[in-house]
Amino acid sequence: MTDCLFCRIVAGEIPSTRVHETDDVLAFRDINPKAPVHVLVIPKAHHDDVAAMAAADPGLAGAVLAVAGAVAAAEGLAESGFRVLFNTGPDSGMEVAHAHAHVLGGRPLGAMVGR
Protein backbone atom coordinates (compact mmCIF):
# COMPACT_ATOMS: atom_id res chain seq x y z
CA MET A 1 0.00 0.00 0.00
CA THR A 2 1.86 3.07 -1.20
CA ASP A 3 -0.30 5.49 0.81
CA CYS A 4 0.23 3.70 4.14
CA LEU A 5 2.65 5.57 6.41
CA PHE A 6 4.03 2.40 7.99
CA CYS A 7 4.41 0.62 4.63
CA ARG A 8 6.44 3.62 3.48
CA ILE A 9 8.61 3.37 6.61
CA VAL A 10 9.18 -0.34 5.89
CA ALA A 11 10.15 0.54 2.31
CA GLY A 12 12.65 3.14 3.57
CA GLU A 13 10.79 6.03 1.93
CA ILE A 14 10.25 7.70 5.30
CA PRO A 15 13.08 7.73 7.86
CA SER A 16 12.67 6.10 11.24
CA THR A 17 14.86 5.25 14.18
CA ARG A 18 14.92 1.48 13.89
CA VAL A 19 15.65 -0.47 17.06
CA HIS A 20 14.98 -4.06 15.95
CA GLU A 21 14.30 -5.80 12.66
CA THR A 22 13.63 -9.31 11.41
CA ASP A 23 12.62 -10.55 7.99
CA ASP A 24 8.94 -10.00 8.87
CA VAL A 25 8.83 -7.38 11.65
CA LEU A 26 10.18 -3.86 12.17
CA ALA A 27 10.45 -1.94 15.45
CA PHE A 28 11.14 1.79 15.55
CA ARG A 29 10.83 4.69 17.98
CA ASP A 30 7.53 6.59 18.04
CA ILE A 31 8.00 10.20 16.89
CA ASN A 32 5.51 11.39 19.55
CA PRO A 33 6.41 9.25 22.57
CA LYS A 34 3.94 8.82 25.42
CA ALA A 35 6.57 7.33 27.79
CA PRO A 36 10.37 7.42 28.10
CA VAL A 37 10.41 4.26 25.99
CA HIS A 38 7.81 4.17 23.20
CA VAL A 39 8.58 1.81 20.35
CA LEU A 40 6.21 0.73 17.59
CA VAL A 41 6.41 -2.88 16.44
CA ILE A 42 4.85 -3.54 13.04
CA PRO A 43 4.57 -6.41 10.59
CA LYS A 44 6.33 -5.55 7.35
CA ALA A 45 3.34 -6.95 5.44
CA HIS A 46 0.31 -4.67 5.52
CA HIS A 47 -2.62 -5.71 7.70
CA ASP A 48 -5.18 -3.08 8.65
CA ASP A 49 -5.19 -3.98 12.36
CA VAL A 50 -4.17 -6.67 14.85
CA ALA A 51 -7.42 -8.63 14.39
CA ALA A 52 -6.92 -8.80 10.62
CA MET A 53 -3.28 -9.80 11.07
CA ALA A 54 -4.10 -12.53 13.58
CA ALA A 55 -6.83 -13.94 11.34
CA ALA A 56 -4.69 -13.88 8.19
CA ASP A 57 -1.35 -14.97 9.69
CA PRO A 58 -1.30 -16.13 13.33
CA GLY A 59 2.42 -16.86 13.06
CA LEU A 60 3.10 -13.25 12.10
CA ALA A 61 1.04 -12.07 15.08
CA GLY A 62 3.24 -14.23 17.29
CA ALA A 63 6.36 -12.81 15.64
CA VAL A 64 5.19 -9.25 16.37
CA LEU A 65 4.70 -10.17 20.04
CA ALA A 66 8.11 -11.87 20.18
CA VAL A 67 9.76 -8.72 18.83
CA ALA A 68 7.81 -6.62 21.34
CA GLY A 69 9.28 -8.74 24.13
CA ALA A 70 12.78 -8.53 22.66
CA VAL A 71 12.50 -4.74 22.38
CA ALA A 72 11.34 -4.45 26.00
CA ALA A 73 14.30 -6.53 27.15
CA ALA A 74 16.77 -4.57 25.01
CA GLU A 75 15.38 -1.29 26.37
CA GLY A 76 15.89 -2.48 29.97
CA LEU A 77 12.19 -2.77 30.79
CA ALA A 78 11.97 -6.47 31.68
CA GLU A 79 12.50 -6.03 35.43
CA SER A 80 10.50 -2.83 36.03
CA GLY A 81 7.69 -3.74 33.63
CA PHE A 82 6.24 -2.49 30.40
CA ARG A 83 3.01 -2.33 28.45
CA VAL A 84 2.27 -3.77 25.00
CA LEU A 85 -0.78 -2.10 23.48
CA PHE A 86 -2.66 -2.64 20.22
CA ASN A 87 -5.28 -0.10 19.15
CA THR A 88 -7.96 -1.26 16.74
CA GLY A 89 -10.64 0.91 15.18
CA PRO A 90 -11.76 4.51 15.60
CA ASP A 91 -12.83 4.29 19.26
CA SER A 92 -9.36 3.08 20.25
CA GLY A 93 -7.53 6.13 18.98
CA MET A 94 -5.79 4.17 16.22
CA GLU A 95 -4.05 6.73 14.01
CA VAL A 96 -2.43 4.56 11.32
CA ALA A 97 -4.43 1.74 9.72
CA HIS A 98 -1.57 -0.77 9.79
CA ALA A 99 -1.32 -3.35 12.58
CA HIS A 100 1.12 -2.15 15.21
CA ALA A 101 1.99 -2.71 18.84
CA HIS A 102 3.13 0.05 21.16
CA VAL A 103 5.84 -1.00 23.63
CA LEU A 104 5.73 1.52 26.48
CA GLY A 105 7.78 1.79 29.65
CA GLY A 106 10.51 3.55 31.55
CA ARG A 107 8.21 4.99 34.24
CA PRO A 108 5.02 3.94 36.06
CA LEU A 109 2.31 4.02 33.42
CA GLY A 110 -0.77 4.26 35.63
CA ALA A 111 -4.26 3.05 34.84
CA MET A 112 -4.98 1.43 31.49
CA VAL A 113 -7.98 3.60 30.64
CA GLY A 114 -8.74 7.08 31.94
CA ARG A 115 -12.10 7.63 33.51
C-alpha atoms as a PDB file:
ATOM      1  CA  MET A   1       0.000   0.000   0.000  1.00  0.00           C
ATOM      2  CA  THR A   2       1.859   3.075  -1.203  1.00  0.00           C
ATOM      3  CA  ASP A   3      -0.300   5.495   0.812  1.00  0.00           C
ATOM      4  CA  CYS A   4       0.230   3.701   4.142  1.00  0.00           C
ATOM      5  CA  LEU A   5       2.653   5.575   6.405  1.00  0.00           C
ATOM      6  CA  PHE A   6       4.032   2.404   7.986  1.00  0.00           C
ATOM      7  CA  CYS A   7       4.406   0.625   4.633  1.00  0.00           C
ATOM      8  CA  ARG A   8       6.439   3.619   3.480  1.00  0.00           C
ATOM      9  CA  ILE A   9       8.614   3.368   6.607  1.00  0.00           C
ATOM     10  CA  VAL A  10       9.180  -0.344   5.895  1.00  0.00           C
ATOM     11  CA  ALA A  11      10.154   0.540   2.310  1.00  0.00           C
ATOM     12  CA  GLY A  12      12.649   3.136   3.575  1.00  0.00           C
ATOM     13  CA  GLU A  13      10.794   6.025   1.929  1.00  0.00           C
ATOM     14  CA  ILE A  14      10.251   7.700   5.299  1.00  0.00           C
ATOM     15  CA  PRO A  15      13.076   7.733   7.856  1.00  0.00           C
ATOM     16  CA  SER A  16      12.673   6.101  11.244  1.00  0.00           C
ATOM     17  CA  THR A  17      14.862   5.250  14.185  1.00  0.00           C
ATOM     18  CA  ARG A  18      14.916   1.478  13.894  1.00  0.00           C
ATOM     19  CA  VAL A  19      15.647  -0.468  17.061  1.00  0.00           C
ATOM     20  CA  HIS A  20      14.981  -4.060  15.951  1.00  0.00           C
ATOM     21  CA  GLU A  21      14.300  -5.798  12.663  1.00  0.00           C
ATOM     22  CA  THR A  22      13.634  -9.311  11.413  1.00  0.00           C
ATOM     23  CA  ASP A  23      12.619 -10.554   7.987  1.00  0.00           C
ATOM     24  CA  ASP A  24       8.943  -9.996   8.871  1.00  0.00           C
ATOM     25  CA  VAL A  25       8.826  -7.377  11.648  1.00  0.00           C
ATOM     26  CA  LEU A  26      10.185  -3.863  12.166  1.00  0.00           C
ATOM     27  CA  ALA A  27      10.450  -1.941  15.454  1.00  0.00           C
ATOM     28  CA  PHE A  28      11.139   1.789  15.554  1.00  0.00           C
ATOM     29  CA  ARG A  29      10.828   4.690  17.983  1.00  0.00           C
ATOM     30  CA  ASP A  30       7.534   6.591  18.035  1.00  0.00           C
ATOM     31  CA  ILE A  31       8.000  10.198  16.893  1.00  0.00           C
ATOM     32  CA  ASN A  32       5.514  11.390  19.549  1.00  0.00           C
ATOM     33  CA  PRO A  33       6.413   9.246  22.573  1.00  0.00           C
ATOM     34  CA  LYS A  34       3.943   8.819  25.424  1.00  0.00           C
ATOM     35  CA  ALA A  35       6.566   7.329  27.793  1.00  0.00           C
ATOM     36  CA  PRO A  36      10.366   7.423  28.097  1.00  0.00           C
ATOM     37  CA  VAL A  37      10.408   4.258  25.988  1.00  0.00           C
ATOM     38  CA  HIS A  38       7.815   4.165  23.197  1.00  0.00           C
ATOM     39  CA  VAL A  39       8.584   1.810  20.351  1.00  0.00           C
ATOM     40  CA  LEU A  40       6.213   0.733  17.586  1.00  0.00           C
ATOM     41  CA  VAL A  41       6.410  -2.880  16.436  1.00  0.00           C
ATOM     42  CA  ILE A  42       4.849  -3.545  13.040  1.00  0.00           C
ATOM     43  CA  PRO A  43       4.574  -6.410  10.594  1.00  0.00           C
ATOM     44  CA  LYS A  44       6.328  -5.553   7.354  1.00  0.00           C
ATOM     45  CA  ALA A  45       3.342  -6.946   5.442  1.00  0.00           C
ATOM     46  CA  HIS A  46       0.312  -4.671   5.518  1.00  0.00           C
ATOM     47  CA  HIS A  47      -2.616  -5.712   7.703  1.00  0.00           C
ATOM     48  CA  ASP A  48      -5.180  -3.079   8.654  1.00  0.00           C
ATOM     49  CA  ASP A  49      -5.187  -3.981  12.364  1.00  0.00           C
ATOM     50  CA  VAL A  50      -4.174  -6.665  14.851  1.00  0.00           C
ATOM     51  CA  ALA A  51      -7.419  -8.632  14.386  1.00  0.00           C
ATOM     52  CA  ALA A  52      -6.921  -8.800  10.623  1.00  0.00           C
ATOM     53  CA  MET A  53      -3.278  -9.802  11.075  1.00  0.00           C
ATOM     54  CA  ALA A  54      -4.104 -12.534  13.579  1.00  0.00           C
ATOM     55  CA  ALA A  55      -6.831 -13.943  11.339  1.00  0.00           C
ATOM     56  CA  ALA A  56      -4.687 -13.883   8.194  1.00  0.00           C
ATOM     57  CA  ASP A  57      -1.353 -14.968   9.688  1.00  0.00           C
ATOM     58  CA  PRO A  58      -1.303 -16.125  13.327  1.00  0.00           C
ATOM     59  CA  GLY A  59       2.418 -16.858  13.061  1.00  0.00           C
ATOM     60  CA  LEU A  60       3.101 -13.253  12.103  1.00  0.00           C
ATOM     61  CA  ALA A  61       1.042 -12.070  15.078  1.00  0.00           C
ATOM     62  CA  GLY A  62       3.245 -14.228  17.287  1.00  0.00           C
ATOM     63  CA  ALA A  63       6.363 -12.809  15.643  1.00  0.00           C
ATOM     64  CA  VAL A  64       5.189  -9.249  16.368  1.00  0.00           C
ATOM     65  CA  LEU A  65       4.697 -10.174  20.043  1.00  0.00           C
ATOM     66  CA  ALA A  66       8.108 -11.874  20.176  1.00  0.00           C
ATOM     67  CA  VAL A  67       9.761  -8.724  18.831  1.00  0.00           C
ATOM     68  CA  ALA A  68       7.809  -6.616  21.340  1.00  0.00           C
ATOM     69  CA  GLY A  69       9.281  -8.742  24.127  1.00  0.00           C
ATOM     70  CA  ALA A  70      12.779  -8.525  22.659  1.00  0.00           C
ATOM     71  CA  VAL A  71      12.496  -4.742  22.377  1.00  0.00           C
ATOM     72  CA  ALA A  72      11.338  -4.450  25.999  1.00  0.00           C
ATOM     73  CA  ALA A  73      14.297  -6.532  27.147  1.00  0.00           C
ATOM     74  CA  ALA A  74      16.774  -4.574  25.012  1.00  0.00           C
ATOM     75  CA  GLU A  75      15.381  -1.292  26.370  1.00  0.00           C
ATOM     76  CA  GLY A  76      15.886  -2.483  29.973  1.00  0.00           C
ATOM     77  CA  LEU A  77      12.192  -2.774  30.792  1.00  0.00           C
ATOM     78  CA  ALA A  78      11.972  -6.474  31.679  1.00  0.00           C
ATOM     79  CA  GLU A  79      12.497  -6.026  35.427  1.00  0.00           C
ATOM     80  CA  SER A  80      10.495  -2.832  36.034  1.00  0.00           C
ATOM     81  CA  GLY A  81       7.689  -3.738  33.634  1.00  0.00           C
ATOM     82  CA  PHE A  82       6.240  -2.494  30.396  1.00  0.00           C
ATOM     83  CA  ARG A  83       3.007  -2.325  28.450  1.00  0.00           C
ATOM     84  CA  VAL A  84       2.268  -3.767  25.005  1.00  0.00           C
ATOM     85  CA  LEU A  85      -0.776  -2.104  23.480  1.00  0.00           C
ATOM     86  CA  PHE A  86      -2.659  -2.639  20.215  1.00  0.00           C
ATOM     87  CA  ASN A  87      -5.282  -0.096  19.147  1.00  0.00           C
ATOM     88  CA  THR A  88      -7.963  -1.255  16.737  1.00  0.00           C
ATOM     89  CA  GLY A  89     -10.644   0.913  15.176  1.00  0.00           C
ATOM     90  CA  PRO A  90     -11.760   4.512  15.599  1.00  0.00           C
ATOM     91  CA  ASP A  91     -12.832   4.294  19.258  1.00  0.00           C
ATOM     92  CA  SER A  92      -9.364   3.079  20.253  1.00  0.00           C
ATOM     93  CA  GLY A  93      -7.530   6.132  18.977  1.00  0.00           C
ATOM     94  CA  MET A  94      -5.787   4.172  16.218  1.00  0.00           C
ATOM     95  CA  GLU A  95      -4.047   6.731  14.013  1.00  0.00           C
ATOM     96  CA  VAL A  96      -2.431   4.561  11.322  1.00  0.00           C
ATOM     97  CA  ALA A  97      -4.427   1.739   9.717  1.00  0.00           C
ATOM     98  CA  HIS A  98      -1.569  -0.766   9.793  1.00  0.00           C
ATOM     99  CA  ALA A  99      -1.325  -3.346  12.576  1.00  0.00           C
ATOM    100  CA  HIS A 100       1.117  -2.154  15.214  1.00  0.00           C
ATOM    101  CA  ALA A 101       1.991  -2.707  18.839  1.00  0.00           C
ATOM    102  CA  HIS A 102       3.131   0.048  21.157  1.00  0.00           C
ATOM    103  CA  VAL A 103       5.843  -0.999  23.629  1.00  0.00           C
ATOM    104  CA  LEU A 104       5.732   1.516  26.478  1.00  0.00           C
ATOM    105  CA  GLY A 105       7.781   1.792  29.650  1.00  0.00           C
ATOM    106  CA  GLY A 106      10.505   3.548  31.546  1.00  0.00           C
ATOM    107  CA  ARG A 107       8.210   4.994  34.243  1.00  0.00           C
ATOM    108  CA  PRO A 108       5.025   3.939  36.063  1.00  0.00           C
ATOM    109  CA  LEU A 109       2.308   4.016  33.418  1.00  0.00           C
ATOM    110  CA  GLY A 110      -0.771   4.260  35.627  1.00  0.00           C
ATOM    111  CA  ALA A 111      -4.258   3.049  34.838  1.00  0.00           C
ATOM    112  CA  MET A 112      -4.984   1.431  31.488  1.00  0.00           C
ATOM    113  CA  VAL A 113      -7.979   3.603  30.635  1.00  0.00           C
ATOM    114  CA  GLY A 114      -8.738   7.083  31.939  1.00  0.00           C
ATOM    115  CA  ARG A 115     -12.097   7.629  33.510  1.00  0.00           C
END
